[in-house]
Amino acid sequence: MTPDSDDLFKAILKLKDTDEARAFFRDLLTANEIVEFGQRWKVAQMLAEGISYTKIAEETGMSSTTIARVHKWLKKGMGGYKLILKRLR
């Protein structure tokens, strides 16, 4: 990561609610990027629930390659997915 990345993360932590987050991320990212991030998050949630790749692909339209990548990050990443999944329970 870079100092610019750290500044971005600090800025995100200042957002107070979903409306502020929506506005900030819409200015920062394209609509398609936001949709893609949302789909990856949905895949992570479904994987954590034990849902099969096939069912996830059917429901989200995501490729098996993307699902496998999210699964890899969920299991062997830096723990970000696991942290948030735990906090949202």
PDB file of N, CA and C in Angstrom:
ATOM      1  N   MET A   1       0.832  -1.177   0.000  1.00  0.00           N
ATOM      2  CA  MET A   1       0.000   0.000   0.000  1.00  0.00           C
ATOM      3  C   MET A   1       0.884   1.250   0.000  1.00  0.00           C
ATOM      4  N   THR A   2       0.262   2.346  -0.318  1.00  0.00           N
ATOM      5  CA  THR A   2       0.979   3.620  -0.404  1.00  0.00           C
ATOM      6  C   THR A   2       0.383   4.628   0.585  1.00  0.00           C
ATOM      7  N   PRO A   3       1.077   5.744   0.799  1.00  0.00           N
ATOM      8  CA  PRO A   3       0.485   6.793   1.639  1.00  0.00           C
ATOM      9  C   PRO A   3      -0.861   7.277   1.088  1.00  0.00           C
ATOM     10  N   ASP A   4      -0.995   7.317  -0.244  1.00  0.00           N
ATOM     11  CA  ASP A   4      -2.276   7.714  -0.834  1.00  0.00           C
ATOM     12  C   ASP A   4      -3.372   6.726  -0.454  1.00  0.00           C
ATOM     13  N   SER A   5      -3.037   5.436  -0.445  1.00  0.00           N
ATOM     14  CA  SER A   5      -4.013   4.420  -0.044  1.00  0.00           C
ATOM     15  C   SER A   5      -4.417   4.625   1.410  1.00  0.00           C
ATOM     16  N   ASP A   6      -3.439   4.874   2.257  1.00  0.00           N
ATOM     17  CA  ASP A   6      -3.739   5.113   3.674  1.00  0.00           C
ATOM     18  C   ASP A   6      -4.642   6.330   3.844  1.00  0.00           C
ATOM     19  N   ASP A   7      -4.386   7.386   3.076  1.00  0.00           N
ATOM     20  CA  ASP A   7      -5.242   8.575   3.131  1.00  0.00           C
ATOM     21  C   ASP A   7      -6.669   8.236   2.714  1.00  0.00           C
ATOM     22  N   LEU A   8      -6.811   7.408   1.691  1.00  0.00           N
ATOM     23  CA  LEU A   8      -8.138   6.988   1.244  1.00  0.00           C
ATOM     24  C   LEU A   8      -8.859   6.226   2.355  1.00  0.00           C
ATOM     25  N   PHE A   9      -8.174   5.281   2.985  1.00  0.00           N
ATOM     26  CA  PHE A   9      -8.795   4.493   4.054  1.00  0.00           C
ATOM     27  C   PHE A   9      -9.211   5.389   5.223  1.00  0.00           C
ATOM     28  N   LYS A  10      -8.388   6.370   5.547  1.00  0.00           N
ATOM     29  CA  LYS A  10      -8.733   7.309   6.618  1.00  0.00           C
ATOM     30  C   LYS A  10      -9.967   8.125   6.240  1.00  0.00           C
ATOM     31  N   ALA A  11     -10.054   8.521   4.984  1.00  0.00           N
ATOM     32  CA  ALA A  11     -11.222   9.273   4.522  1.00  0.00           C
ATOM     33  C   ALA A  11     -12.483   8.420   4.631  1.00  0.00           C
ATOM     34  N   ILE A  12     -12.390   7.152   4.246  1.00  0.00           N
ATOM     35  CA  ILE A  12     -13.540   6.245   4.320  1.00  0.00           C
ATOM     36  C   ILE A  12     -14.027   6.116   5.762  1.00  0.00           C
ATOM     37  N   LEU A  13     -13.101   6.072   6.701  1.00  0.00           N
ATOM     38  CA  LEU A  13     -13.479   5.953   8.109  1.00  0.00           C
ATOM     39  C   LEU A  13     -14.242   7.170   8.626  1.00  0.00           C
ATOM     40  N   LYS A  14     -14.170   8.286   7.922  1.00  0.00           N
ATOM     41  CA  LYS A  14     -14.883   9.496   8.329  1.00  0.00           C
ATOM     42  C   LYS A  14     -16.334   9.518   7.847  1.00  0.00           C
ATOM     43  N   LEU A  15     -16.708   8.609   6.953  1.00  0.00           N
ATOM     44  CA  LEU A  15     -18.080   8.570   6.452  1.00  0.00           C
ATOM     45  C   LEU A  15     -19.016   8.145   7.579  1.00  0.00           C
ATOM     46  N   LYS A  16     -20.163   8.828   7.687  1.00  0.00           N
ATOM     47  CA  LYS A  16     -21.058   8.605   8.822  1.00  0.00           C
ATOM     48  C   LYS A  16     -22.190   7.626   8.548  1.00  0.00           C
ATOM     49  N   ASP A  17     -22.611   7.481   7.297  1.00  0.00           N
ATOM     50  CA  ASP A  17     -23.737   6.595   7.018  1.00  0.00           C
ATOM     51  C   ASP A  17     -23.695   6.137   5.560  1.00  0.00           C
ATOM     52  N   THR A  18     -24.660   5.301   5.193  1.00  0.00           N
ATOM     53  CA  THR A  18     -24.652   4.751   3.831  1.00  0.00           C
ATOM     54  C   THR A  18     -24.883   5.826   2.776  1.00  0.00           C
ATOM     55  N   ASP A  19     -25.635   6.862   3.099  1.00  0.00           N
ATOM     56  CA  ASP A  19     -25.834   7.937   2.121  1.00  0.00           C
ATOM     57  C   ASP A  19     -24.513   8.647   1.818  1.00  0.00           C
ATOM     58  N   GLU A  20     -23.738   8.931   2.853  1.00  0.00           N
ATOM     59  CA  GLU A  20     -22.430   9.552   2.645  1.00  0.00           C
ATOM     60  C   GLU A  20     -21.500   8.611   1.891  1.00  0.00           C
ATOM     61  N   ALA A  21     -21.529   7.339   2.243  1.00  0.00           N
ATOM     62  CA  ALA A  21     -20.682   6.356   1.561  1.00  0.00           C
ATOM     63  C   ALA A  21     -21.060   6.256   0.090  1.00  0.00           C
ATOM     64  N   ARG A  22     -22.356   6.213  -0.185  1.00  0.00           N
ATOM     65  CA  ARG A  22     -22.830   6.122  -1.569  1.00  0.00           C
ATOM     66  C   ARG A  22     -22.337   7.315  -2.384  1.00  0.00           C
ATOM     67  N   ALA A  23     -22.463   8.514  -1.833  1.00  0.00           N
ATOM     68  CA  ALA A  23     -22.034   9.726  -2.542  1.00  0.00           C
ATOM     69  C   ALA A  23     -20.518   9.728  -2.766  1.00  0.00           C
ATOM     70  N   PHE A  24     -19.766   9.379  -1.730  1.00  0.00           N
ATOM     71  CA  PHE A  24     -18.307   9.373  -1.845  1.00  0.00           C
ATOM     72  C   PHE A  24     -17.843   8.357  -2.879  1.00  0.00           C
ATOM     73  N   PHE A  25     -18.345   7.122  -2.765  1.00  0.00           N
ATOM     74  CA  PHE A  25     -17.897   6.087  -3.691  1.00  0.00           C
ATOM     75  C   PHE A  25     -18.376   6.353  -5.109  1.00  0.00           C
ATOM     76  N   ARG A  26     -19.520   6.998  -5.279  1.00  0.00           N
ATOM     77  CA  ARG A  26     -19.984   7.312  -6.635  1.00  0.00           C
ATOM     78  C   ARG A  26     -19.093   8.357  -7.275  1.00  0.00           C
ATOM     79  N   ASP A  27     -18.567   9.272  -6.490  1.00  0.00           N
ATOM     80  CA  ASP A  27     -17.616  10.248  -7.028  1.00  0.00           C
ATOM     81  C   ASP A  27     -16.254   9.612  -7.296  1.00  0.00           C
ATOM     82  N   LEU A  28     -15.876   8.644  -6.484  1.00  0.00           N
ATOM     83  CA  LEU A  28     -14.562   8.012  -6.584  1.00  0.00           C
ATOM     84  C   LEU A  28     -14.499   6.958  -7.686  1.00  0.00           C
ATOM     85  N   LEU A  29     -15.579   6.190  -7.838  1.00  0.00           N
ATOM     86  CA  LEU A  29     -15.601   5.034  -8.737  1.00  0.00           C
ATOM     87  C   LEU A  29     -16.669   5.193  -9.804  1.00  0.00           C
ATOM     88  N   THR A  30     -16.554   4.392 -10.861  1.00  0.00           N
ATOM     89  CA  THR A  30     -17.627   4.351 -11.848  1.00  0.00           C
ATOM     90  C   THR A  30     -18.777   3.528 -11.275  1.00  0.00           C
ATOM     91  N   ALA A  31     -19.944   3.694 -11.859  1.00  0.00           N
ATOM     92  CA  ALA A  31     -21.101   2.909 -11.419  1.00  0.00           C
ATOM     93  C   ALA A  31     -20.821   1.416 -11.562  1.00  0.00           C
ATOM     94  N   ASN A  32     -20.163   1.029 -12.644  1.00  0.00           N
ATOM     95  CA  ASN A  32     -19.844  -0.388 -12.852  1.00  0.00           C
ATOM     96  C   ASN A  32     -18.878  -0.922 -11.797  1.00  0.00           C
ATOM     97  N   GLU A  33     -17.908  -0.113 -11.392  1.00  0.00           N
ATOM     98  CA  GLU A  33     -16.972  -0.548 -10.349  1.00  0.00           C
ATOM     99  C   GLU A  33     -17.702  -0.770  -9.022  1.00  0.00           C
ATOM    100  N   ILE A  34     -18.636   0.113  -8.710  1.00  0.00           N
ATOM    101  CA  ILE A  34     -19.413  -0.045  -7.479  1.00  0.00           C
ATOM    102  C   ILE A  34     -20.233  -1.327  -7.533  1.00  0.00           C
ATOM    103  N   VAL A  35     -20.863  -1.584  -8.671  1.00  0.00           N
ATOM    104  CA  VAL A  35     -21.640  -2.817  -8.834  1.00  0.00           C
ATOM    105  C   VAL A  35     -20.737  -4.030  -8.661  1.00  0.00           C
ATOM    106  N   GLU A  36     -19.563  -4.005  -9.278  1.00  0.00           N
ATOM    107  CA  GLU A  36     -18.634  -5.134  -9.179  1.00  0.00           C
ATOM    108  C   GLU A  36     -18.182  -5.362  -7.739  1.00  0.00           C
ATOM    109  N   PHE A  37     -17.866  -4.300  -7.022  1.00  0.00           N
ATOM    110  CA  PHE A  37     -17.474  -4.445  -5.614  1.00  0.00           C
ATOM    111  C   PHE A  37     -18.622  -5.027  -4.801  1.00  0.00           C
ATOM    112  N   GLY A  38     -19.830  -4.546  -5.074  1.00  0.00           N
ATOM    113  CA  GLY A  38     -21.002  -5.069  -4.376  1.00  0.00           C
ATOM    114  C   GLY A  38     -21.214  -6.548  -4.648  1.00  0.00           C
ATOM    115  N   GLN A  39     -20.980  -6.957  -5.893  1.00  0.00           N
ATOM    116  CA  GLN A  39     -21.127  -8.369  -6.244  1.00  0.00           C
ATOM    117  C   GLN A  39     -20.071  -9.218  -5.544  1.00  0.00           C
ATOM    118  N   ARG A  40     -18.854  -8.737  -5.479  1.00  0.00           N
ATOM    119  CA  ARG A  40     -17.801  -9.485  -4.772  1.00  0.00           C
ATOM    120  C   ARG A  40     -18.156  -9.649  -3.301  1.00  0.00           C
ATOM    121  N   TRP A  41     -18.693  -8.599  -2.704  1.00  0.00           N
ATOM    122  CA  TRP A  41     -19.092  -8.675  -1.304  1.00  0.00           C
ATOM    123  C   TRP A  41     -20.212  -9.702  -1.126  1.00  0.00           C
ATOM    124  N   LYS A  42     -21.173  -9.694  -2.041  1.00  0.00           N
ATOM    125  CA  LYS A  42     -22.264 -10.678  -1.987  1.00  0.00           C
ATOM    126  C   LYS A  42     -21.702 -12.090  -2.096  1.00  0.00           C
ATOM    127  N   VAL A  43     -20.755 -12.300  -3.004  1.00  0.00           N
ATOM    128  CA  VAL A  43     -20.116 -13.610  -3.164  1.00  0.00           C
ATOM    129  C   VAL A  43     -19.444 -14.021  -1.853  1.00  0.00           C
ATOM    130  N   ALA A  44     -18.724 -13.118  -1.215  1.00  0.00           N
ATOM    131  CA  ALA A  44     -18.055 -13.434   0.055  1.00  0.00           C
ATOM    132  C   ALA A  44     -19.072 -13.849   1.110  1.00  0.00           C
ATOM    133  N   GLN A  45     -20.190 -13.146   1.180  1.00  0.00           N
ATOM    134  CA  GLN A  45     -21.233 -13.493   2.143  1.00  0.00           C
ATOM    135  C   GLN A  45     -21.801 -14.881   1.850  1.00  0.00           C
ATOM    136  N   MET A  46     -22.050 -15.157   0.588  1.00  0.00           N
ATOM    137  CA  MET A  46     -22.618 -16.450   0.205  1.00  0.00           C
ATOM    138  C   MET A  46     -21.634 -17.585   0.476  1.00  0.00           C
ATOM    139  N   LEU A  47     -20.366 -17.364   0.174  1.00  0.00           N
ATOM    140  CA  LEU A  47     -19.347 -18.379   0.461  1.00  0.00           C
ATOM    141  C   LEU A  47     -19.271 -18.657   1.957  1.00  0.00           C
ATOM    142  N   ALA A  48     -19.346 -17.605   2.759  1.00  0.00           N
ATOM    143  CA  ALA A  48     -19.293 -17.766   4.212  1.00  0.00           C
ATOM    144  C   ALA A  48     -20.487 -18.562   4.731  1.00  0.00           C
ATOM    145  N   GLU A  49     -21.588 -18.516   3.996  1.00  0.00           N
ATOM    146  CA  GLU A  49     -22.781 -19.283   4.364  1.00  0.00           C
ATOM    147  C   GLU A  49     -22.723 -20.711   3.843  1.00  0.00           C
ATOM    148  N   GLY A  50     -21.656 -21.042   3.100  1.00  0.00           N
ATOM    149  CA  GLY A  50     -21.495 -22.397   2.591  1.00  0.00           C
ATOM    150  C   GLY A  50     -22.236 -22.683   1.298  1.00  0.00           C
ATOM    151  N   ILE A  51     -22.640 -21.646   0.596  1.00  0.00           N
ATOM    152  CA  ILE A  51     -23.368 -21.815  -0.664  1.00  0.00           C
ATOM    153  C   ILE A  51     -22.386 -22.220  -1.757  1.00  0.00           C
ATOM    154  N   SER A  52     -22.810 -23.109  -2.630  1.00  0.00           N
ATOM    155  CA  SER A  52     -21.935 -23.661  -3.670  1.00  0.00           C
ATOM    156  C   SER A  52     -21.599 -22.626  -4.739  1.00  0.00           C
ATOM    157  N   TYR A  53     -20.467 -22.850  -5.400  1.00  0.00           N
ATOM    158  CA  TYR A  53     -20.053 -21.984  -6.509  1.00  0.00           C
ATOM    159  C   TYR A  53     -21.157 -21.902  -7.564  1.00  0.00           C
ATOM    160  N   THR A  54     -21.750 -23.039  -7.888  1.00  0.00           N
ATOM    161  CA  THR A  54     -22.787 -23.085  -8.926  1.00  0.00           C
ATOM    162  C   THR A  54     -23.962 -22.196  -8.560  1.00  0.00           C
ATOM    163  N   LYS A  55     -24.442 -22.311  -7.337  1.00  0.00           N
ATOM    164  CA  LYS A  55     -25.579 -21.508  -6.879  1.00  0.00           C
ATOM    165  C   LYS A  55     -25.204 -20.026  -6.850  1.00  0.00           C
ATOM    166  N   ILE A  56     -23.990 -19.727  -6.404  1.00  0.00           N
ATOM    167  CA  ILE A  56     -23.531 -18.331  -6.368  1.00  0.00           C
ATOM    168  C   ILE A  56     -23.477 -17.759  -7.783  1.00  0.00           C
ATOM    169  N   ALA A  57     -22.932 -18.523  -8.718  1.00  0.00           N
ATOM    170  CA  ALA A  57     -22.853 -18.068 -10.112  1.00  0.00           C
ATOM    171  C   ALA A  57     -24.244 -17.820 -10.675  1.00  0.00           C
ATOM    172  N   GLU A  58     -25.184 -18.716 -10.378  1.00  0.00           N
ATOM    173  CA  GLU A  58     -26.559 -18.555 -10.865  1.00  0.00           C
ATOM    174  C   GLU A  58     -27.197 -17.289 -10.309  1.00  0.00           C
ATOM    175  N   GLU A  59     -27.004 -17.041  -9.020  1.00  0.00           N
ATOM    176  CA  GLU A  59     -27.668 -15.909  -8.365  1.00  0.00           C
ATOM    177  C   GLU A  59     -27.006 -14.563  -8.638  1.00  0.00           C
ATOM    178  N   THR A  60     -25.688 -14.565  -8.829  1.00  0.00           N
ATOM    179  CA  THR A  60     -24.972 -13.290  -8.976  1.00  0.00           C
ATOM    180  C   THR A  60     -24.542 -12.986 -10.404  1.00  0.00           C
ATOM    181  N   GLY A  61     -24.434 -14.020 -11.230  1.00  0.00           N
ATOM    182  CA  GLY A  61     -23.917 -13.824 -12.575  1.00  0.00           C
ATOM    183  C   GLY A  61     -22.399 -13.730 -12.623  1.00  0.00           C
ATOM    184  N   MET A  62     -21.746 -13.917 -11.487  1.00  0.00           N
ATOM    185  CA  MET A  62     -20.285 -13.853 -11.433  1.00  0.00           C
ATOM    186  C   MET A  62     -19.692 -15.137 -11.994  1.00  0.00           C
ATOM    187  N   SER A  63     -18.509 -15.023 -12.589  1.00  0.00           N
ATOM    188  CA  SER A  63     -17.842 -16.188 -13.161  1.00  0.00           C
ATOM    189  C   SER A  63     -17.260 -17.058 -12.055  1.00  0.00           C
ATOM    190  N   SER A  64     -17.031 -18.323 -12.384  1.00  0.00           N
ATOM    191  CA  SER A  64     -16.425 -19.228 -11.401  1.00  0.00           C
ATOM    192  C   SER A  64     -15.013 -18.764 -11.041  1.00  0.00           C
ATOM    193  N   THR A  65     -14.332 -18.112 -11.972  1.00  0.00           N
ATOM    194  CA  THR A  65     -12.997 -17.582 -11.699  1.00  0.00           C
ATOM    195  C   THR A  65     -13.055 -16.493 -10.625  1.00  0.00           C
ATOM    196  N   THR A  66     -14.007 -15.586 -10.752  1.00  0.00           N
ATOM    197  CA  THR A  66     -14.156 -14.521  -9.758  1.00  0.00           C
ATOM    198  C   THR A  66     -14.566 -15.094  -8.411  1.00  0.00           C
ATOM    199  N   ILE A  67     -15.478 -16.051  -8.429  1.00  0.00           N
ATOM    200  CA  ILE A  67     -15.918 -16.686  -7.183  1.00  0.00           C
ATOM    201  C   ILE A  67     -14.736 -17.369  -6.504  1.00  0.00           C
ATOM    202  N   ALA A  68     -13.922 -18.068  -7.286  1.00  0.00           N
ATOM    203  CA  ALA A  68     -12.743 -18.751  -6.732  1.00  0.00           C
ATOM    204  C   ALA A  68     -11.756 -17.742  -6.147  1.00  0.00           C
ATOM    205  N   ARG A  69     -11.590 -16.610  -6.808  1.00  0.00           N
ATOM    206  CA  ARG A  69     -10.675 -15.578  -6.315  1.00  0.00           C
ATOM    207  C   ARG A  69     -11.173 -15.019  -4.985  1.00  0.00           C
ATOM    208  N   VAL A  70     -12.473 -14.730  -4.909  1.00  0.00           N
ATOM    209  CA  VAL A  70     -13.033 -14.233  -3.651  1.00  0.00           C
ATOM    210  C   VAL A  70     -12.876 -15.288  -2.559  1.00  0.00           C
ATOM    211  N   HIS A  71     -13.108 -16.551  -2.914  1.00  0.00           N
ATOM    212  CA  HIS A  71     -12.957 -17.643  -1.942  1.00  0.00           C
ATOM    213  C   HIS A  71     -11.520 -17.706  -1.423  1.00  0.00           C
ATOM    214  N   LYS A  72     -10.568 -17.548  -2.325  1.00  0.00           N
ATOM    215  CA  LYS A  72      -9.152 -17.562  -1.928  1.00  0.00           C
ATOM    216  C   LYS A  72      -8.868 -16.429  -0.944  1.00  0.00           C
ATOM    217  N   TRP A  73      -9.351 -15.220  -1.257  1.00  0.00           N
ATOM    218  CA  TRP A  73      -9.125 -14.076  -0.371  1.00  0.00           C
ATOM    219  C   TRP A  73      -9.852 -14.260   0.954  1.00  0.00           C
ATOM    220  N   LEU A  74     -11.020 -14.879   0.912  1.00  0.00           N
ATOM    221  CA  LEU A  74     -11.780 -15.134   2.134  1.00  0.00           C
ATOM    222  C   LEU A  74     -11.011 -16.079   3.053  1.00  0.00           C
ATOM    223  N   LYS A  75     -10.380 -17.083   2.463  1.00  0.00           N
ATOM    224  CA  LYS A  75      -9.670 -18.097   3.252  1.00  0.00           C
ATOM    225  C   LYS A  75      -8.234 -17.709   3.585  1.00  0.00           C
ATOM    226  N   LYS A  76      -7.537 -17.070   2.637  1.00  0.00           N
ATOM    227  CA  LYS A  76      -6.103 -16.834   2.820  1.00  0.00           C
ATOM    228  C   LYS A  76      -5.685 -15.384   2.608  1.00  0.00           C
ATOM    229  N   GLY A  77      -6.638 -14.482   2.624  1.00  0.00           N
ATOM    230  CA  GLY A  77      -6.322 -13.067   2.435  1.00  0.00           C
ATOM    231  C   GLY A  77      -5.833 -12.435   3.726  1.00  0.00           C
ATOM    232  N   MET A  78      -6.026 -11.147   3.839  1.00  0.00           N
ATOM    233  CA  MET A  78      -5.540 -10.409   5.006  1.00  0.00           C
ATOM    234  C   MET A  78      -6.549 -10.396   6.154  1.00  0.00           C
ATOM    235  N   GLY A  79      -7.676 -11.065   5.974  1.00  0.00           N
ATOM    236  CA  GLY A  79      -8.664 -11.166   7.043  1.00  0.00           C
ATOM    237  C   GLY A  79      -9.758 -10.117   7.011  1.00  0.00           C
ATOM    238  N   GLY A  80      -9.750  -9.269   5.994  1.00  0.00           N
ATOM    239  CA  GLY A  80     -10.750  -8.206   5.905  1.00  0.00           C
ATOM    240  C   GLY A  80     -12.169  -8.720   5.754  1.00  0.00           C
ATOM    241  N   TYR A  81     -12.360  -9.683   4.859  1.00  0.00           N
ATOM    242  CA  TYR A  81     -13.696 -10.263   4.690  1.00  0.00           C
ATOM    243  C   TYR A  81     -14.171 -10.874   6.002  1.00  0.00           C
ATOM    244  N   LYS A  82     -13.325 -11.684   6.627  1.00  0.00           N
ATOM    245  CA  LYS A  82     -13.709 -12.363   7.876  1.00  0.00           C
ATOM    246  C   LYS A  82     -14.049 -11.361   8.973  1.00  0.00           C
ATOM    247  N   LEU A  83     -13.270 -10.297   9.063  1.00  0.00           N
ATOM    248  CA  LEU A  83     -13.501  -9.277  10.078  1.00  0.00           C
ATOM    249  C   LEU A  83     -14.896  -8.672   9.944  1.00  0.00           C
ATOM    250  N   ILE A  84     -15.234  -8.253   8.739  1.00  0.00           N
ATOM    251  CA  ILE A  84     -16.522  -7.595   8.531  1.00  0.00           C
ATOM    252  C   ILE A  84     -17.672  -8.589   8.646  1.00  0.00           C
ATOM    253  N   LEU A  85     -17.492  -9.791   8.124  1.00  0.00           N
ATOM    254  CA  LEU A  85     -18.541 -10.807   8.263  1.00  0.00           C
ATOM    255  C   LEU A  85     -18.843 -11.066   9.738  1.00  0.00           C
ATOM    256  N   LYS A  86     -17.815 -11.130  10.554  1.00  0.00           N
ATOM    257  CA  LYS A  86     -17.995 -11.359  11.994  1.00  0.00           C
ATOM    258  C   LYS A  86     -18.720 -10.180  12.639  1.00  0.00           C
ATOM    259  N   ARG A  87     -18.332  -8.973  12.269  1.00  0.00           N
ATOM    260  CA  ARG A  87     -18.954  -7.783  12.866  1.00  0.00           C
ATOM    261  C   ARG A  87     -20.411  -7.624  12.463  1.00  0.00           C
ATOM    262  N   LEU A  88     -20.773  -8.128  11.306  1.00  0.00           N
ATOM    263  CA  LEU A  88     -22.149  -7.986  10.826  1.00  0.00           C
ATOM    264  C   LEU A  88     -23.085  -9.070  11.347  1.00  0.00           C
ATOM    265  N   ARG A  89     -22.543 -10.055  12.036  1.00  0.00           N
ATOM    266  CA  ARG A  89     -23.401 -11.126  12.581  1.00  0.00           C
ATOM    267  C   ARG A  89     -24.237 -10.636  13.721  1.00  0.00           C
TER     268      ARG A  89
END
